[in-house]
Amino acid sequence: MDLQDRVTDLESRLAFQDDTIETLNDILVNQQRAVERLKLQIAALLKRQEEMGGQFESSEEEAPPPHY
């Protein structure tokens, strides 16, 4: 393999690696956006659970029905 073939091979590999890195970066950005959305949803669910917690606490403190 002469020098020109080696340079061509390296250029080809570099182009492939650049494309792969760009694709992986796009995937990573999309995943990060999804993680941020999920964090916001979890925070909203936790807030809702805390707000609704007061509604169900009184029923848990009641005595069980007589058939128990």
N, C-alpha and C. Protein backbone atom coordinates (compact mmCIF):
# COMPACT_ATOMS: atom_id res chain seq x y z
N MET A 1 0.85 -1.17 0.00
CA MET A 1 0.00 0.00 0.00
C MET A 1 0.90 1.24 0.00
N ASP A 2 0.70 2.08 -0.99
CA ASP A 2 1.54 3.27 -1.05
C ASP A 2 0.95 4.39 -0.20
N LEU A 3 1.67 5.48 -0.13
CA LEU A 3 1.31 6.60 0.73
C LEU A 3 -0.04 7.21 0.34
N GLN A 4 -0.28 7.34 -0.94
CA GLN A 4 -1.55 7.93 -1.40
C GLN A 4 -2.74 7.07 -0.97
N ASP A 5 -2.61 5.75 -1.08
CA ASP A 5 -3.68 4.84 -0.65
C ASP A 5 -3.93 4.96 0.85
N ARG A 6 -2.86 5.08 1.61
CA ARG A 6 -2.99 5.20 3.06
C ARG A 6 -3.68 6.51 3.44
N VAL A 7 -3.32 7.59 2.77
CA VAL A 7 -3.94 8.89 3.04
C VAL A 7 -5.43 8.84 2.67
N THR A 8 -5.74 8.24 1.55
CA THR A 8 -7.14 8.10 1.13
C THR A 8 -7.93 7.28 2.13
N ASP A 9 -7.33 6.19 2.61
CA ASP A 9 -7.98 5.35 3.62
C ASP A 9 -8.22 6.13 4.91
N LEU A 10 -7.23 6.88 5.34
CA LEU A 10 -7.38 7.68 6.56
C LEU A 10 -8.45 8.76 6.39
N GLU A 11 -8.48 9.40 5.25
CA GLU A 11 -9.51 10.42 4.99
C GLU A 11 -10.90 9.80 5.01
N SER A 12 -11.02 8.61 4.45
CA SER A 12 -12.30 7.91 4.44
C SER A 12 -12.73 7.56 5.86
N ARG A 13 -11.81 7.06 6.65
CA ARG A 13 -12.12 6.73 8.05
C ARG A 13 -12.50 7.98 8.84
N LEU A 14 -11.79 9.07 8.61
CA LEU A 14 -12.09 10.31 9.30
C LEU A 14 -13.49 10.82 8.96
N ALA A 15 -13.85 10.73 7.71
CA ALA A 15 -15.19 11.16 7.30
C ALA A 15 -16.26 10.29 7.96
N PHE A 16 -16.02 8.99 8.01
CA PHE A 16 -16.96 8.09 8.65
C PHE A 16 -17.07 8.39 10.14
N GLN A 17 -15.94 8.64 10.79
CA GLN A 17 -15.94 8.94 12.22
C GLN A 17 -16.64 10.27 12.50
N ASP A 18 -16.44 11.26 11.65
CA ASP A 18 -17.12 12.54 11.81
C ASP A 18 -18.63 12.35 11.72
N ASP A 19 -19.07 11.56 10.77
CA ASP A 19 -20.50 11.30 10.61
C ASP A 19 -21.05 10.56 11.83
N THR A 20 -20.30 9.59 12.33
CA THR A 20 -20.73 8.83 13.50
C THR A 20 -20.81 9.73 14.73
N ILE A 21 -19.83 10.59 14.91
CA ILE A 21 -19.83 11.51 16.05
C ILE A 21 -21.02 12.45 15.96
N GLU A 22 -21.31 12.97 14.79
CA GLU A 22 -22.45 13.87 14.61
C GLU A 22 -23.77 13.16 14.92
N THR A 23 -23.90 11.92 14.46
CA THR A 23 -25.11 11.14 14.73
C THR A 23 -25.26 10.89 16.22
N LEU A 24 -24.17 10.49 16.88
CA LEU A 24 -24.21 10.25 18.32
C LEU A 24 -24.54 11.53 19.09
N ASN A 25 -24.02 12.65 18.64
CA ASN A 25 -24.31 13.92 19.28
C ASN A 25 -25.79 14.27 19.17
N ASP A 26 -26.37 14.04 18.00
CA ASP A 26 -27.80 14.30 17.81
C ASP A 26 -28.64 13.42 18.74
N ILE A 27 -28.25 12.16 18.85
CA ILE A 27 -28.97 11.24 19.73
C ILE A 27 -28.84 11.70 21.18
N LEU A 28 -27.66 12.11 21.57
CA LEU A 28 -27.43 12.57 22.93
C LEU A 28 -28.26 13.81 23.25
N VAL A 29 -28.34 14.73 22.32
CA VAL A 29 -29.15 15.94 22.51
C VAL A 29 -30.61 15.57 22.69
N ASN A 30 -31.12 14.67 21.86
CA ASN A 30 -32.51 14.22 21.98
C ASN A 30 -32.77 13.54 23.32
N GLN A 31 -31.83 12.72 23.76
CA GLN A 31 -31.99 12.04 25.04
C GLN A 31 -31.96 13.04 26.19
N GLN A 32 -31.12 14.04 26.11
CA GLN A 32 -31.05 15.05 27.15
C GLN A 32 -32.37 15.82 27.24
N ARG A 33 -32.94 16.13 26.10
CA ARG A 33 -34.25 16.81 26.09
C ARG A 33 -35.32 15.93 26.72
N ALA A 34 -35.29 14.64 26.40
CA ALA A 34 -36.26 13.71 26.98
C ALA A 34 -36.07 13.62 28.49
N VAL A 35 -34.84 13.57 28.96
CA VAL A 35 -34.57 13.51 30.39
C VAL A 35 -35.09 14.77 31.09
N GLU A 36 -34.89 15.92 30.48
CA GLU A 36 -35.38 17.17 31.07
C GLU A 36 -36.91 17.17 31.15
N ARG A 37 -37.57 16.69 30.08
CA ARG A 37 -39.04 16.60 30.11
C ARG A 37 -39.49 15.66 31.21
N LEU A 38 -38.82 14.53 31.35
CA LEU A 38 -39.20 13.57 32.39
C LEU A 38 -38.98 14.13 33.78
N LYS A 39 -37.90 14.90 33.96
CA LYS A 39 -37.67 15.53 35.27
C LYS A 39 -38.81 16.49 35.61
N LEU A 40 -39.25 17.27 34.63
CA LEU A 40 -40.36 18.19 34.86
C LEU A 40 -41.65 17.44 35.18
N GLN A 41 -41.88 16.34 34.49
CA GLN A 41 -43.08 15.55 34.75
C GLN A 41 -43.04 14.93 36.13
N ILE A 42 -41.88 14.43 36.55
CA ILE A 42 -41.75 13.84 37.88
C ILE A 42 -41.97 14.91 38.94
N ALA A 43 -41.41 16.09 38.73
CA ALA A 43 -41.60 17.17 39.70
C ALA A 43 -43.07 17.53 39.80
N ALA A 44 -43.77 17.59 38.67
CA ALA A 44 -45.20 17.90 38.68
C ALA A 44 -45.98 16.80 39.39
N LEU A 45 -45.62 15.55 39.16
CA LEU A 45 -46.31 14.44 39.83
C LEU A 45 -46.07 14.46 41.33
N LEU A 46 -44.85 14.77 41.74
CA LEU A 46 -44.56 14.85 43.17
C LEU A 46 -45.35 15.97 43.83
N LYS A 47 -45.43 17.10 43.16
CA LYS A 47 -46.21 18.22 43.70
C LYS A 47 -47.67 17.83 43.80
N ARG A 48 -48.18 17.18 42.77
CA ARG A 48 -49.58 16.76 42.79
C ARG A 48 -49.83 15.74 43.89
N GLN A 49 -48.90 14.82 44.09
CA GLN A 49 -49.04 13.82 45.14
C GLN A 49 -49.06 14.48 46.51
N GLU A 50 -48.19 15.48 46.71
CA GLU A 50 -48.18 16.19 47.99
C GLU A 50 -49.49 16.94 48.21
N GLU A 51 -50.02 17.54 47.16
CA GLU A 51 -51.29 18.26 47.27
C GLU A 51 -52.44 17.31 47.58
N MET A 52 -52.41 16.15 46.98
CA MET A 52 -53.49 15.18 47.19
C MET A 52 -53.29 14.36 48.45
N GLY A 53 -52.10 14.40 49.02
CA GLY A 53 -51.82 13.62 50.22
C GLY A 53 -52.75 13.96 51.36
N GLY A 54 -53.10 15.21 51.51
CA GLY A 54 -54.00 15.62 52.58
C GLY A 54 -55.39 15.04 52.43
N GLN A 55 -55.81 14.76 51.23
CA GLN A 55 -57.15 14.22 51.00
C GLN A 55 -57.28 12.78 51.48
N PHE A 56 -56.20 12.05 51.42
CA PHE A 56 -56.28 10.62 51.74
C PHE A 56 -55.78 10.29 53.14
N GLU A 57 -55.13 11.22 53.80
CA GLU A 57 -54.61 10.93 55.14
C GLU A 57 -55.73 10.63 56.11
N SER A 58 -56.84 11.33 56.04
CA SER A 58 -57.93 11.13 56.98
C SER A 58 -58.55 9.74 56.82
N SER A 59 -58.63 9.24 55.60
CA SER A 59 -59.23 7.92 55.39
C SER A 59 -58.31 6.81 55.91
N GLU A 60 -57.01 7.03 55.91
CA GLU A 60 -56.07 6.01 56.41
C GLU A 60 -56.13 5.91 57.92
N GLU A 61 -56.49 7.00 58.60
CA GLU A 61 -56.51 7.01 60.07
C GLU A 61 -57.81 6.41 60.61
N GLU A 62 -58.82 6.24 59.79
CA GLU A 62 -60.08 5.70 60.24
C GLU A 62 -59.92 4.24 60.63
N ALA A 63 -60.76 3.80 61.54
CA ALA A 63 -60.75 2.39 61.97
C ALA A 63 -61.23 1.51 60.82
N PRO A 64 -60.71 0.29 60.73
CA PRO A 64 -61.16 -0.60 59.67
C PRO A 64 -62.63 -0.97 59.85
N PRO A 65 -63.28 -1.36 58.78
CA PRO A 65 -64.70 -1.76 58.90
C PRO A 65 -64.86 -2.93 59.85
N PRO A 66 -66.05 -3.12 60.39
CA PRO A 66 -66.27 -4.17 61.40
C PRO A 66 -66.01 -5.59 60.90
N HIS A 67 -66.08 -5.83 59.61
CA HIS A 67 -65.90 -7.22 59.13
C HIS A 67 -64.44 -7.66 59.15
N TYR A 68 -63.50 -6.79 59.54
CA TYR A 68 -62.09 -7.20 59.62
C TYR A 68 -61.78 -7.83 60.93
